Each structure stands twice: as structure tokens, then as C-alpha cells.
PDB file of N, CA and C in Angstrom:
ATOM      1  N   MET A   1     168.010 286.933 184.310  1.00  0.00           N
ATOM      2  CA  MET A   1     166.737 286.578 184.915  1.00  0.00           C
ATOM      3  C   MET A   1     166.938 286.354 186.411  1.00  0.00           C
ATOM      4  N   ALA A   2     166.051 286.901 187.219  1.00  0.00           N
ATOM      5  CA  ALA A   2     166.169 286.806 188.672  1.00  0.00           C
ATOM      6  C   ALA A   2     165.810 285.401 189.152  1.00  0.00           C
ATOM      7  N   ASN A   3     166.446 284.999 190.234  1.00  0.00           N
ATOM      8  CA  ASN A   3     166.174 283.706 190.847  1.00  0.00           C
ATOM      9  C   ASN A   3     164.930 283.840 191.733  1.00  0.00           C
ATOM     10  N   PRO A   4     163.848 283.103 191.455  1.00  0.00           N
ATOM     11  CA  PRO A   4     162.605 283.255 192.223  1.00  0.00           C
ATOM     12  C   PRO A   4     162.757 282.864 193.691  1.00  0.00           C
ATOM     13  N   ILE A   5     163.617 281.915 193.997  1.00  0.00           N
ATOM     14  CA  ILE A   5     163.837 281.517 195.386  1.00  0.00           C
ATOM     15  C   ILE A   5     164.510 282.647 196.151  1.00  0.00           C
ATOM     16  N   VAL A   6     165.534 283.252 195.559  1.00  0.00           N
ATOM     17  CA  VAL A   6     166.227 284.377 196.184  1.00  0.00           C
ATOM     18  C   VAL A   6     165.241 285.520 196.409  1.00  0.00           C
ATOM     19  N   GLU A   7     164.407 285.788 195.422  1.00  0.00           N
ATOM     20  CA  GLU A   7     163.427 286.865 195.551  1.00  0.00           C
ATOM     21  C   GLU A   7     162.456 286.601 196.692  1.00  0.00           C
ATOM     22  N   LYS A   8     161.989 285.357 196.850  1.00  0.00           N
ATOM     23  CA  LYS A   8     161.058 285.018 197.929  1.00  0.00           C
ATOM     24  C   LYS A   8     161.716 285.196 199.297  1.00  0.00           C
ATOM     25  N   VAL A   9     162.952 284.772 199.426  1.00  0.00           N
ATOM     26  CA  VAL A   9     163.671 284.919 200.698  1.00  0.00           C
ATOM     27  C   VAL A   9     163.843 286.393 201.032  1.00  0.00           C
ATOM     28  N   GLN A  10     164.262 287.177 200.063  1.00  0.00           N
ATOM     29  CA  GLN A  10     164.452 288.608 200.300  1.00  0.00           C
ATOM     30  C   GLN A  10     163.134 289.290 200.642  1.00  0.00           C
ATOM     31  N   GLU A  11     162.058 288.907 199.988  1.00  0.00           N
ATOM     32  CA  GLU A  11     160.741 289.485 200.262  1.00  0.00           C
ATOM     33  C   GLU A  11     160.273 289.123 201.665  1.00  0.00           C
ATOM     34  N   ALA A  12     160.492 287.878 202.069  1.00  0.00           N
ATOM     35  CA  ALA A  12     160.079 287.439 203.411  1.00  0.00           C
ATOM     36  C   ALA A  12     160.829 288.205 204.493  1.00  0.00           C
ATOM     37  N   LYS A  13     162.102 288.491 204.255  1.00  0.00           N
ATOM     38  CA  LYS A  13     162.884 289.233 205.242  1.00  0.00           C
ATOM     39  C   LYS A  13     162.397 290.671 205.361  1.00  0.00           C
ATOM     40  N   LYS A  14     161.878 291.247 204.274  1.00  0.00           N
ATOM     41  CA  LYS A  14     161.378 292.615 204.307  1.00  0.00           C
ATOM     42  C   LYS A  14     160.145 292.738 205.193  1.00  0.00           C
ATOM     43  N   ILE A  15     159.362 291.683 205.303  1.00  0.00           N
ATOM     44  CA  ILE A  15     158.135 291.701 206.083  1.00  0.00           C
ATOM     45  C   ILE A  15     158.443 291.751 207.582  1.00  0.00           C
ATOM     46  N   ARG A  16     159.513 291.119 207.999  1.00  0.00           N
ATOM     47  CA  ARG A  16     159.875 291.064 209.416  1.00  0.00           C
ATOM     48  C   ARG A  16     160.424 292.399 209.886  1.00  0.00           C
ATOM     49  N   PRO A  17     160.098 292.762 211.118  1.00  0.00           N
ATOM     50  CA  PRO A  17     160.702 293.980 211.645  1.00  0.00           C
ATOM     51  C   PRO A  17     162.204 293.787 211.854  1.00  0.00           C
ATOM     52  N   VAL A  18     162.954 294.829 211.591  1.00  0.00           N
ATOM     53  CA  VAL A  18     164.396 294.815 211.814  1.00  0.00           C
ATOM     54  C   VAL A  18     164.657 295.601 213.087  1.00  0.00           C
ATOM     55  N   PHE A  19     165.317 294.970 214.034  1.00  0.00           N
ATOM     56  CA  PHE A  19     165.675 295.607 215.296  1.00  0.00           C
ATOM     57  C   PHE A  19     167.070 296.204 215.122  1.00  0.00           C
ATOM     58  N   VAL A  20     167.139 297.530 215.135  1.00  0.00           N
ATOM     59  CA  VAL A  20     168.388 298.231 214.868  1.00  0.00           C
ATOM     60  C   VAL A  20     169.045 298.623 216.190  1.00  0.00           C
ATOM     61  N   TYR A  21     170.308 298.297 216.298  1.00  0.00           N
ATOM     62  CA  TYR A  21     171.112 298.619 217.475  1.00  0.00           C
ATOM     63  C   TYR A  21     172.182 299.624 217.057  1.00  0.00           C
ATOM     64  N   ASP A  22     172.268 300.728 217.775  1.00  0.00           N
ATOM     65  CA  ASP A  22     173.296 301.733 217.506  1.00  0.00           C
ATOM     66  C   ASP A  22     174.570 301.374 218.249  1.00  0.00           C
ATOM     67  N   VAL A  23     175.672 301.375 217.537  1.00  0.00           N
ATOM     68  CA  VAL A  23     176.970 301.122 218.149  1.00  0.00           C
ATOM     69  C   VAL A  23     177.369 302.396 218.892  1.00  0.00           C
ATOM     70  N   PRO A  24     177.776 302.282 220.162  1.00  0.00           N
ATOM     71  CA  PRO A  24     178.207 303.474 220.900  1.00  0.00           C
ATOM     72  C   PRO A  24     179.266 304.255 220.121  1.00  0.00           C
ATOM     73  N   GLU A  25     179.174 305.592 220.220  1.00  0.00           N
ATOM     74  CA  GLU A  25     180.004 306.495 219.410  1.00  0.00           C
ATOM     75  C   GLU A  25     181.489 306.160 219.401  1.00  0.00           C
ATOM     76  N   LYS A  26     182.044 305.928 220.579  1.00  0.00           N
ATOM     77  CA  LYS A  26     183.490 305.671 220.672  1.00  0.00           C
ATOM     78  C   LYS A  26     183.868 304.407 219.882  1.00  0.00           C
ATOM     79  N   MET A  27     183.042 303.355 220.016  1.00  0.00           N
ATOM     80  CA  MET A  27     183.333 302.126 219.282  1.00  0.00           C
ATOM     81  C   MET A  27     183.045 302.299 217.799  1.00  0.00           C
ATOM     82  N   ALA A  28     182.011 303.039 217.469  1.00  0.00           N
ATOM     83  CA  ALA A  28     181.696 303.290 216.063  1.00  0.00           C
ATOM     84  C   ALA A  28     182.850 304.012 215.379  1.00  0.00           C
ATOM     85  N   ALA A  29     183.429 304.978 216.080  1.00  0.00           N
ATOM     86  CA  ALA A  29     184.568 305.720 215.520  1.00  0.00           C
ATOM     87  C   ALA A  29     185.772 304.801 215.318  1.00  0.00           C
ATOM     88  N   ALA A  30     185.965 303.876 216.245  1.00  0.00           N
ATOM     89  CA  ALA A  30     187.122 302.974 216.167  1.00  0.00           C
ATOM     90  C   ALA A  30     186.936 301.871 215.130  1.00  0.00           C
ATOM     91  N   THR A  31     185.689 301.427 214.917  1.00  0.00           N
ATOM     92  CA  THR A  31     185.453 300.273 214.041  1.00  0.00           C
ATOM     93  C   THR A  31     184.891 300.641 212.677  1.00  0.00           C
ATOM     94  N   GLY A  32     184.290 301.821 212.588  1.00  0.00           N
ATOM     95  CA  GLY A  32     183.677 302.230 211.333  1.00  0.00           C
ATOM     96  C   GLY A  32     182.246 301.746 211.155  1.00  0.00           C
ATOM     97  N   THR A  33     181.722 301.000 212.117  1.00  0.00           N
ATOM     98  CA  THR A  33     180.345 300.513 212.051  1.00  0.00           C
ATOM     99  C   THR A  33     179.491 301.315 213.022  1.00  0.00           C
ATOM    100  N   LYS A  34     178.411 301.903 212.498  1.00  0.00           N
ATOM    101  CA  LYS A  34     177.557 302.758 213.325  1.00  0.00           C
ATOM    102  C   LYS A  34     176.314 302.046 213.845  1.00  0.00           C
ATOM    103  N   SER A  35     175.814 301.057 213.101  1.00  0.00           N
ATOM    104  CA  SER A  35     174.618 300.336 213.541  1.00  0.00           C
ATOM    105  C   SER A  35     174.551 298.965 212.892  1.00  0.00           C
ATOM    106  N   ILE A  36     173.858 298.063 213.578  1.00  0.00           N
ATOM    107  CA  ILE A  36     173.567 296.752 213.014  1.00  0.00           C
ATOM    108  C   ILE A  36     172.083 296.479 213.237  1.00  0.00           C
ATOM    109  N   GLY A  37     171.470 295.801 212.292  1.00  0.00           N
ATOM    110  CA  GLY A  37     170.060 295.442 212.395  1.00  0.00           C
ATOM    111  C   GLY A  37     169.899 293.937 212.317  1.00  0.00           C
ATOM    112  N   VAL A  38     169.063 293.408 213.189  1.00  0.00           N
ATOM    113  CA  VAL A  38     168.824 291.966 213.212  1.00  0.00           C
ATOM    114  C   VAL A  38     167.326 291.689 213.168  1.00  0.00           C
ATOM    115  N   VAL A  39     166.982 290.503 212.697  1.00  0.00           N
ATOM    116  CA  VAL A  39     165.589 290.047 212.681  1.00  0.00           C
ATOM    117  C   VAL A  39     165.469 288.842 213.598  1.00  0.00           C
ATOM    118  N   GLN A  40     164.249 288.629 214.092  1.00  0.00           N
ATOM    119  CA  GLN A  40     163.984 287.411 214.841  1.00  0.00           C
ATOM    120  C   GLN A  40     163.912 286.264 213.848  1.00  0.00           C
ATOM    121  N   LEU A  41     164.448 285.134 214.243  1.00  0.00           N
ATOM    122  CA  LEU A  41     164.519 283.995 213.334  1.00  0.00           C
ATOM    123  C   LEU A  41     163.302 283.086 213.458  1.00  0.00           C
ATOM    124  N   SER A  42     162.920 282.548 212.324  1.00  0.00           N
ATOM    125  CA  SER A  42     161.884 281.515 212.310  1.00  0.00           C
ATOM    126  C   SER A  42     162.553 280.180 212.628  1.00  0.00           C
ATOM    127  N   SER A  43     161.738 279.163 212.873  1.00  0.00           N
ATOM    128  CA  SER A  43     162.314 277.839 213.131  1.00  0.00           C
ATOM    129  C   SER A  43     163.092 277.345 211.912  1.00  0.00           C
ATOM    130  N   ARG A  44     162.613 277.687 210.718  1.00  0.00           N
ATOM    131  CA  ARG A  44     163.323 277.298 209.486  1.00  0.00           C
ATOM    132  C   ARG A  44     164.695 277.980 209.424  1.00  0.00           C
ATOM    133  N   ASP A  45     164.739 279.266 209.802  1.00  0.00           N
ATOM    134  CA  ASP A  45     166.022 279.980 209.834  1.00  0.00           C
ATOM    135  C   ASP A  45     166.987 279.312 210.806  1.00  0.00           C
ATOM    136  N   GLU A  46     166.472 278.943 211.976  1.00  0.00           N
ATOM    137  CA  GLU A  46     167.321 278.303 212.986  1.00  0.00           C
ATOM    138  C   GLU A  46     167.862 276.968 212.485  1.00  0.00           C
ATOM    139  N   LEU A  47     167.016 276.200 211.805  1.00  0.00           N
ATOM    140  CA  LEU A  47     167.471 274.915 211.250  1.00  0.00           C
ATOM    141  C   LEU A  47     168.521 275.122 210.161  1.00  0.00           C
ATOM    142  N   THR A  48     168.329 276.151 209.339  1.00  0.00           N
ATOM    143  CA  THR A  48     169.300 276.455 208.289  1.00  0.00           C
ATOM    144  C   THR A  48     170.659 276.788 208.912  1.00  0.00           C
ATOM    145  N   ALA A  49     170.639 277.604 209.959  1.00  0.00           N
ATOM    146  CA  ALA A  49     171.886 277.960 210.649  1.00  0.00           C
ATOM    147  C   ALA A  49     172.516 276.723 211.286  1.00  0.00           C
ATOM    148  N   ALA A  50     171.692 275.866 211.879  1.00  0.00           N
ATOM    149  CA  ALA A  50     172.206 274.647 212.509  1.00  0.00           C
ATOM    150  C   ALA A  50     172.857 273.721 211.478  1.00  0.00           C
ATOM    151  N   LYS A  51     172.262 273.633 210.296  1.00  0.00           N
ATOM    152  CA  LYS A  51     172.858 272.807 209.233  1.00  0.00           C
ATOM    153  C   LYS A  51     174.226 273.352 208.826  1.00  0.00           C
ATOM    154  N   ARG A  52     174.318 274.694 208.718  1.00  0.00           N
ATOM    155  CA  ARG A  52     175.611 275.287 208.359  1.00  0.00           C
ATOM    156  C   ARG A  52     176.660 275.039 209.442  1.00  0.00           C
ATOM    157  N   ALA A  53     176.215 274.952 210.708  1.00  0.00           N
ATOM    158  CA  ALA A  53     177.138 274.717 211.821  1.00  0.00           C
ATOM    159  C   ALA A  53     177.667 273.290 211.820  1.00  0.00           C
ATOM    160  N   ASN A  54     176.946 272.403 211.146  1.00  0.00           N
ATOM    161  CA  ASN A  54     177.413 271.028 210.949  1.00  0.00           C
ATOM    162  C   ASN A  54     177.798 270.336 212.266  1.00  0.00           C
ATOM    163  N   GLY A  55     176.971 270.508 213.301  1.00  0.00           N
ATOM    164  CA  GLY A  55     177.217 269.821 214.567  1.00  0.00           C
ATOM    165  C   GLY A  55     178.200 270.500 215.497  1.00  0.00           C
ATOM    166  N   ASP A  56     178.777 271.602 215.073  1.00  0.00           N
ATOM    167  CA  ASP A  56     179.751 272.327 215.899  1.00  0.00           C
ATOM    168  C   ASP A  56     179.010 273.360 216.747  1.00  0.00           C
ATOM    169  N   SER A  57     178.892 273.105 218.053  1.00  0.00           N
ATOM    170  CA  SER A  57     178.095 273.981 218.913  1.00  0.00           C
ATOM    171  C   SER A  57     178.693 275.381 219.034  1.00  0.00           C
ATOM    172  N   ASN A  58     179.999 275.503 218.946  1.00  0.00           N
ATOM    173  CA  ASN A  58     180.621 276.837 218.980  1.00  0.00           C
ATOM    174  C   ASN A  58     180.262 277.626 217.725  1.00  0.00           C
ATOM    175  N   ARG A  59     180.299 276.962 216.605  1.00  0.00           N
ATOM    176  CA  ARG A  59     179.977 277.625 215.342  1.00  0.00           C
ATOM    177  C   ARG A  59     178.498 277.989 215.252  1.00  0.00           C
ATOM    178  N   LEU A  60     177.637 277.230 215.938  1.00  0.00           N
ATOM    179  CA  LEU A  60     176.207 277.473 215.880  1.00  0.00           C
ATOM    180  C   LEU A  60     175.857 278.887 216.334  1.00  0.00           C
ATOM    181  N   ALA A  61     176.475 279.367 217.393  1.00  0.00           N
ATOM    182  CA  ALA A  61     176.188 280.725 217.873  1.00  0.00           C
ATOM    183  C   ALA A  61     176.478 281.752 216.785  1.00  0.00           C
ATOM    184  N   PHE A  62     177.586 281.591 216.089  1.00  0.00           N
ATOM    185  CA  PHE A  62     177.941 282.518 215.020  1.00  0.00           C
ATOM    186  C   PHE A  62     176.973 282.397 213.845  1.00  0.00           C
ATOM    187  N   GLU A  63     176.586 281.178 213.501  1.00  0.00           N
ATOM    188  CA  GLU A  63     175.668 280.970 212.382  1.00  0.00           C
ATOM    189  C   GLU A  63     174.285 281.553 212.674  1.00  0.00           C
ATOM    190  N   LEU A  64     173.817 281.440 213.912  1.00  0.00           N
ATOM    191  CA  LEU A  64     172.530 282.025 214.281  1.00  0.00           C
ATOM    192  C   LEU A  64     172.586 283.547 214.197  1.00  0.00           C
ATOM    193  N   ALA A  65     173.670 284.126 214.697  1.00  0.00           N
ATOM    194  CA  ALA A  65     173.828 285.585 214.621  1.00  0.00           C
ATOM    195  C   ALA A  65     173.904 286.029 213.164  1.00  0.00           C
ATOM    196  N   LEU A  66     174.663 285.306 212.359  1.00  0.00           N
ATOM    197  CA  LEU A  66     174.773 285.620 210.931  1.00  0.00           C
ATOM    198  C   LEU A  66     173.412 285.519 210.258  1.00  0.00           C
ATOM    199  N   GLN A  67     172.661 284.479 210.576  1.00  0.00           N
ATOM    200  CA  GLN A  67     171.333 284.287 209.977  1.00  0.00           C
ATOM    201  C   GLN A  67     170.403 285.451 210.320  1.00  0.00           C
ATOM    202  N   SER A  68     170.579 286.038 211.499  1.00  0.00           N
ATOM    203  CA  SER A  68     169.695 287.131 211.929  1.00  0.00           C
ATOM    204  C   SER A  68     170.138 288.499 211.405  1.00  0.00           C
ATOM    205  N   LEU A  69     171.357 288.603 210.907  1.00  0.00           N
ATOM    206  CA  LEU A  69     171.881 289.887 210.434  1.00  0.00           C
ATOM    207  C   LEU A  69     171.089 290.367 209.218  1.00  0.00           C
ATOM    208  N   ALA A  70     170.490 291.566 209.332  1.00  0.00           N
ATOM    209  CA  ALA A  70     169.651 292.095 208.250  1.00  0.00           C
ATOM    210  C   ALA A  70     170.196 293.376 207.652  1.00  0.00           C
ATOM    211  N   GLU A  71     170.959 294.140 208.447  1.00  0.00           N
ATOM    212  CA  GLU A  71     171.527 295.368 207.894  1.00  0.00           C
ATOM    213  C   GLU A  71     172.740 295.816 208.693  1.00  0.00           C
ATOM    214  N   VAL A  72     173.595 296.540 208.011  1.00  0.00           N
ATOM    215  CA  VAL A  72     174.770 297.156 208.622  1.00  0.00           C
ATOM    216  C   VAL A  72     174.805 298.595 208.143  1.00  0.00           C
ATOM    217  N   ASP A  73     174.846 299.509 209.094  1.00  0.00           N
ATOM    218  CA  ASP A  73     174.853 300.942 208.779  1.00  0.00           C
ATOM    219  C   ASP A  73     173.714 301.342 207.843  1.00  0.00           C
ATOM    220  N   GLY A  74     172.544 300.756 208.076  1.00  0.00           N
ATOM    221  CA  GLY A  74     171.363 301.106 207.288  1.00  0.00           C
ATOM    222  C   GLY A  74     171.269 300.447 205.933  1.00  0.00           C
ATOM    223  N   GLN A  75     172.275 299.679 205.556  1.00  0.00           N
ATOM    224  CA  GLN A  75     172.278 298.986 204.273  1.00  0.00           C
ATOM    225  C   GLN A  75     171.855 297.534 204.470  1.00  0.00           C
ATOM    226  N   ALA A  76     170.843 297.104 203.727  1.00  0.00           N
ATOM    227  CA  ALA A  76     170.359 295.729 203.839  1.00  0.00           C
ATOM    228  C   ALA A  76     171.447 294.751 203.428  1.00  0.00           C
ATOM    229  N   VAL A  77     171.539 293.635 204.161  1.00  0.00           N
ATOM    230  CA  VAL A  77     172.445 292.543 203.812  1.00  0.00           C
ATOM    231  C   VAL A  77     171.632 291.253 203.803  1.00  0.00           C
ATOM    232  N   SER A  78     172.096 290.281 203.034  1.00  0.00           N
ATOM    233  CA  SER A  78     171.353 289.036 202.880  1.00  0.00           C
ATOM    234  C   SER A  78     172.313 287.873 202.650  1.00  0.00           C
ATOM    235  N   LEU A  79     171.933 286.724 203.174  1.00  0.00           N
ATOM    236  CA  LEU A  79     172.709 285.513 202.902  1.00  0.00           C
ATOM    237  C   LEU A  79     172.531 285.067 201.460  1.00  0.00           C
ATOM    238  N   THR A  80     171.382 285.379 200.873  1.00  0.00           N
ATOM    239  CA  THR A  80     171.111 284.892 199.515  1.00  0.00           C
ATOM    240  C   THR A  80     172.003 285.519 198.458  1.00  0.00           C
ATOM    241  N   ASP A  81     172.461 286.745 198.698  1.00  0.00           N
ATOM    242  CA  ASP A  81     173.336 287.374 197.702  1.00  0.00           C
ATOM    243  C   ASP A  81     174.783 287.508 198.192  1.00  0.00           C
ATOM    244  N   GLY A  82     175.065 286.964 199.379  1.00  0.00           N
ATOM    245  CA  GLY A  82     176.430 286.973 199.904  1.00  0.00           C
ATOM    246  C   GLY A  82     176.815 288.222 200.679  1.00  0.00           C
ATOM    247  N   THR A  83     175.937 289.226 200.714  1.00  0.00           N
ATOM    248  CA  THR A  83     176.300 290.473 201.398  1.00  0.00           C
ATOM    249  C   THR A  83     176.369 290.300 202.918  1.00  0.00           C
ATOM    250  N   ALA A  84     175.554 289.412 203.481  1.00  0.00           N
ATOM    251  CA  ALA A  84     175.606 289.179 204.932  1.00  0.00           C
ATOM    252  C   ALA A  84     176.912 288.486 205.313  1.00  0.00           C
ATOM    253  N   ASP A  85     177.291 287.469 204.545  1.00  0.00           N
ATOM    254  CA  ASP A  85     178.571 286.781 204.800  1.00  0.00           C
ATOM    255  C   ASP A  85     179.733 287.759 204.715  1.00  0.00           C
ATOM    256  N   LYS A  86     179.726 288.578 203.681  1.00  0.00           N
ATOM    257  CA  LYS A  86     180.800 289.546 203.479  1.00  0.00           C
ATOM    258  C   LYS A  86     180.871 290.521 204.649  1.00  0.00           C
ATOM    259  N   ALA A  87     179.713 291.055 205.045  1.00  0.00           N
ATOM    260  CA  ALA A  87     179.684 292.007 206.161  1.00  0.00           C
ATOM    261  C   ALA A  87     180.144 291.346 207.450  1.00  0.00           C
ATOM    262  N   PHE A  88     179.673 290.135 207.693  1.00  0.00           N
ATOM    263  CA  PHE A  88     180.021 289.409 208.917  1.00  0.00           C
ATOM    264  C   PHE A  88     181.513 289.125 208.968  1.00  0.00           C
ATOM    265  N   ASN A  89     182.067 288.668 207.861  1.00  0.00           N
ATOM    266  CA  ASN A  89     183.496 288.319 207.813  1.00  0.00           C
ATOM    267  C   ASN A  89     184.405 289.535 207.898  1.00  0.00           C
ATOM    268  N   GLU A  90     183.930 290.680 207.412  1.00  0.00           N
ATOM    269  CA  GLU A  90     184.737 291.902 207.466  1.00  0.00           C
ATOM    270  C   GLU A  90     184.500 292.712 208.731  1.00  0.00           C
ATOM    271  N   MET A  91     183.528 292.308 209.535  1.00  0.00           N
ATOM    272  CA  MET A  91     183.167 293.016 210.743  1.00  0.00           C
ATOM    273  C   MET A  91     184.300 292.970 211.761  1.00  0.00           C
ATOM    274  N   ASP A  92     184.517 294.087 212.432  1.00  0.00           N
ATOM    275  CA  ASP A  92     185.465 294.117 213.539  1.00  0.00           C
ATOM    276  C   ASP A  92     185.012 293.091 214.582  1.00  0.00           C
ATOM    277  N   PRO A  93     185.939 292.374 215.222  1.00  0.00           N
ATOM    278  CA  PRO A  93     185.547 291.379 216.227  1.00  0.00           C
ATOM    279  C   PRO A  93     184.672 291.957 217.348  1.00  0.00           C
ATOM    280  N   LEU A  94     184.889 293.203 217.711  1.00  0.00           N
ATOM    281  CA  LEU A  94     184.065 293.826 218.748  1.00  0.00           C
ATOM    282  C   LEU A  94     182.616 293.982 218.275  1.00  0.00           C
ATOM    283  N   ILE A  95     182.440 294.336 217.024  1.00  0.00           N
ATOM    284  CA  ILE A  95     181.096 294.485 216.466  1.00  0.00           C
ATOM    285  C   ILE A  95     180.443 293.112 216.329  1.00  0.00           C
ATOM    286  N   ARG A  96     181.223 292.115 215.911  1.00  0.00           N
ATOM    287  CA  ARG A  96     180.687 290.755 215.810  1.00  0.00           C
ATOM    288  C   ARG A  96     180.199 290.285 217.180  1.00  0.00           C
ATOM    289  N   ASN A  97     180.942 290.622 218.234  1.00  0.00           N
ATOM    290  CA  ASN A  97     180.527 290.266 219.586  1.00  0.00           C
ATOM    291  C   ASN A  97     179.232 290.975 219.965  1.00  0.00           C
ATOM    292  N   LEU A  98     179.104 292.247 219.579  1.00  0.00           N
ATOM    293  CA  LEU A  98     177.856 292.965 219.837  1.00  0.00           C
ATOM    294  C   LEU A  98     176.695 292.305 219.086  1.00  0.00           C
ATOM    295  N   LEU A  99     176.948 291.851 217.864  1.00  0.00           N
ATOM    296  CA  LEU A  99     175.923 291.161 217.091  1.00  0.00           C
ATOM    297  C   LEU A  99     175.475 289.884 217.803  1.00  0.00           C
ATOM    298  N   LEU A 100     176.422 289.110 218.312  1.00  0.00           N
ATOM    299  CA  LEU A 100     176.087 287.897 219.057  1.00  0.00           C
ATOM    300  C   LEU A 100     175.211 288.230 220.259  1.00  0.00           C
ATOM    301  N   ASN A 101     175.545 289.306 220.959  1.00  0.00           N
ATOM    302  CA  ASN A 101     174.759 289.734 222.120  1.00  0.00           C
ATOM    303  C   ASN A 101     173.368 290.209 221.704  1.00  0.00           C
ATOM    304  N   ALA A 102     173.281 290.919 220.588  1.00  0.00           N
ATOM    305  CA  ALA A 102     171.987 291.385 220.098  1.00  0.00           C
ATOM    306  C   ALA A 102     171.105 290.194 219.745  1.00  0.00           C
ATOM    307  N   TYR A 103     171.680 289.202 219.062  1.00  0.00           N
ATOM    308  CA  TYR A 103     170.915 288.001 218.729  1.00  0.00           C
ATOM    309  C   TYR A 103     170.401 287.338 220.008  1.00  0.00           C
ATOM    310  N   ALA A 104     171.296 287.147 220.981  1.00  0.00           N
ATOM    311  CA  ALA A 104     170.919 286.468 222.226  1.00  0.00           C
ATOM    312  C   ALA A 104     169.830 287.237 222.971  1.00  0.00           C
ATOM    313  N   GLN A 105     169.976 288.548 223.046  1.00  0.00           N
ATOM    314  CA  GLN A 105     169.001 289.366 223.764  1.00  0.00           C
ATOM    315  C   GLN A 105     167.645 289.341 223.077  1.00  0.00           C
ATOM    316  N   LEU A 106     167.645 289.350 221.780  1.00  0.00           N
ATOM    317  CA  LEU A 106     166.398 289.387 221.014  1.00  0.00           C
ATOM    318  C   LEU A 106     165.656 288.052 221.045  1.00  0.00           C
ATOM    319  N   HIS A 107     166.381 286.960 221.211  1.00  0.00           N
ATOM    320  CA  HIS A 107     165.778 285.635 221.125  1.00  0.00           C
ATOM    321  C   HIS A 107     165.593 284.939 222.475  1.00  0.00           C
ATOM    322  N   ALA A 108     165.902 285.611 223.567  1.00  0.00           N
ATOM    323  CA  ALA A 108     165.745 285.000 224.887  1.00  0.00           C
ATOM    324  C   ALA A 108     164.745 285.800 225.717  1.00  0.00           C
ATOM    325  N   PRO A 109     163.834 285.101 226.395  1.00  0.00           N
ATOM    326  CA  PRO A 109     162.907 285.827 227.256  1.00  0.00           C
ATOM    327  C   PRO A 109     163.652 286.394 228.462  1.00  0.00           C
ATOM    328  N   PRO A 110     163.101 287.441 229.065  1.00  0.00           N
ATOM    329  CA  PRO A 110     163.737 287.993 230.264  1.00  0.00           C
ATOM    330  C   PRO A 110     163.830 286.926 231.363  1.00  0.00           C
ATOM    331  N   GLU A 111     164.788 287.084 232.239  1.00  0.00           N
ATOM    332  CA  GLU A 111     165.037 286.095 233.289  1.00  0.00           C
ATOM    333  C   GLU A 111     163.802 285.853 234.160  1.00  0.00           C
ATOM    334  N   ASP A 112     163.068 286.923 234.497  1.00  0.00           N
ATOM    335  CA  ASP A 112     161.885 286.742 235.350  1.00  0.00           C
ATOM    336  C   ASP A 112     160.808 285.916 234.647  1.00  0.00           C
ATOM    337  N   VAL A 113     160.676 286.065 233.348  1.00  0.00           N
ATOM    338  CA  VAL A 113     159.705 285.271 232.588  1.00  0.00           C
ATOM    339  C   VAL A 113     160.136 283.810 232.558  1.00  0.00           C
ATOM    340  N   THR A 114     161.405 283.572 232.323  1.00  0.00           N
ATOM    341  CA  THR A 114     161.926 282.201 232.329  1.00  0.00           C
ATOM    342  C   THR A 114     161.712 281.554 233.681  1.00  0.00           C
ATOM    343  N   ASN A 115     162.038 282.283 234.747  1.00  0.00           N
ATOM    344  CA  ASN A 115     161.869 281.739 236.101  1.00  0.00           C
ATOM    345  C   ASN A 115     160.403 281.434 236.397  1.00  0.00           C
ATOM    346  N   ALA A 116     159.492 282.321 236.006  1.00  0.00           N
ATOM    347  CA  ALA A 116     158.063 282.097 236.226  1.00  0.00           C
ATOM    348  C   ALA A 116     157.590 280.883 235.436  1.00  0.00           C
ATOM    349  N   PHE A 117     158.061 280.754 234.217  1.00  0.00           N
ATOM    350  CA  PHE A 117     157.700 279.602 233.394  1.00  0.00           C
ATOM    351  C   PHE A 117     158.163 278.301 234.055  1.00  0.00           C
ATOM    352  N   LEU A 118     159.421 278.262 234.465  1.00  0.00           N
ATOM    353  CA  LEU A 118     159.957 277.048 235.078  1.00  0.00           C
ATOM    354  C   LEU A 118     159.287 276.754 236.416  1.00  0.00           C
ATOM    355  N   ALA A 119     158.939 277.795 237.173  1.00  0.00           N
ATOM    356  CA  ALA A 119     158.270 277.606 238.461  1.00  0.00           C
ATOM    357  C   ALA A 119     156.835 277.103 238.299  1.00  0.00           C
ATOM    358  N   SER A 120     156.260 277.241 237.116  1.00  0.00           N
ATOM    359  CA  SER A 120     154.879 276.815 236.891  1.00  0.00           C
ATOM    360  C   SER A 120     154.733 275.317 236.660  1.00  0.00           C
ATOM    361  N   ARG A 121     155.818 274.588 236.680  1.00  0.00           N
ATOM    362  CA  ARG A 121     155.795 273.156 236.400  1.00  0.00           C
ATOM    363  C   ARG A 121     154.844 272.434 237.349  1.00  0.00           C
ATOM    364  N   ARG A 122     154.079 271.521 236.801  1.00  0.00           N
ATOM    365  CA  ARG A 122     153.209 270.647 237.592  1.00  0.00           C
ATOM    366  C   ARG A 122     153.269 269.245 236.983  1.00  0.00           C
ATOM    367  N   VAL A 123     152.870 268.298 237.744  1.00  0.00           N
ATOM    368  CA  VAL A 123     152.936 266.905 237.317  1.00  0.00           C
ATOM    369  C   VAL A 123     151.522 266.396 237.078  1.00  0.00           C
ATOM    370  N   LYS A 124     151.363 265.729 235.943  1.00  0.00           N
ATOM    371  CA  LYS A 124     150.076 265.090 235.640  1.00  0.00           C
ATOM    372  C   LYS A 124     150.320 263.599 235.473  1.00  0.00           C
ATOM    373  N   VAL A 125     149.459 262.830 236.058  1.00  0.00           N
ATOM    374  CA  VAL A 125     149.559 261.378 235.924  1.00  0.00           C
ATOM    375  C   VAL A 125     148.233 260.866 235.384  1.00  0.00           C
ATOM    376  N   GLY A 126     148.318 260.035 234.370  1.00  0.00           N
ATOM    377  CA  GLY A 126     147.132 259.404 233.812  1.00  0.00           C
ATOM    378  C   GLY A 126     146.273 260.308 233.127  1.00  0.00           C
TER     379      GLY A 126
END
């Protein structure tokens, strides 16, 4: 019998767009990984990753990237069935670094947007 919680998590991930990044040919040939796909994380996903990091700020970056990992070489992976952990742990360190960069790029606004946001600060009193 299928686990209804696992099914709901997998279904929710299917609804989100997967951003697929192609590994450059030379690195793909050396590592065996041709593409990785990531999803944007919800606040719940971020909290789940933070709990797994257990207060370790270095580990948090890896947990967030792992939480966002949705596919490797076109094959879906998931934390609920262990395939994401397996793929992440077996990933070449260079590919893992690319995954970290993909997560960061996907979840951070462009520098000009950040600067405009910060420059818009005003003070209100009362």
C-alpha cells in the first residue's frame, strides 16, 4: 500500500516547474552527468532543509541544494524515496558545486533588483 504523505509530496513537486541546467560537454564526459534539474523551494521546504542542517550553517547550503534537486539526467529524484539523497551523495564534487550554484542563482534576485530594493528604504515615524 502506498504512503499517502509520500504521494502528496511527489505530486506537489510535479506541479512546480523544474529548471533544467545542462552540464557543459567536457564536464559531462568527465563526470557522467549531463543535466540537473532544480525546483524553487517553498518556505516549508526551506524550513525542512534548515532542520536537517541542525544549526550548521555550512551544511545548510548543501541541504537547501539537496532539497531543490528534482532530476538528474532527466530522471526524477525525490527525498521521499531516497533517490535524491543517493544521487546527491554519488554526484561528482564538481557537479555538486554546479548544483549549489544553480540553487543560489535560482533563489536570489539579480544584483540590480537587490540594490534597487535596498535603495528604496525610507523611515516612518508614528
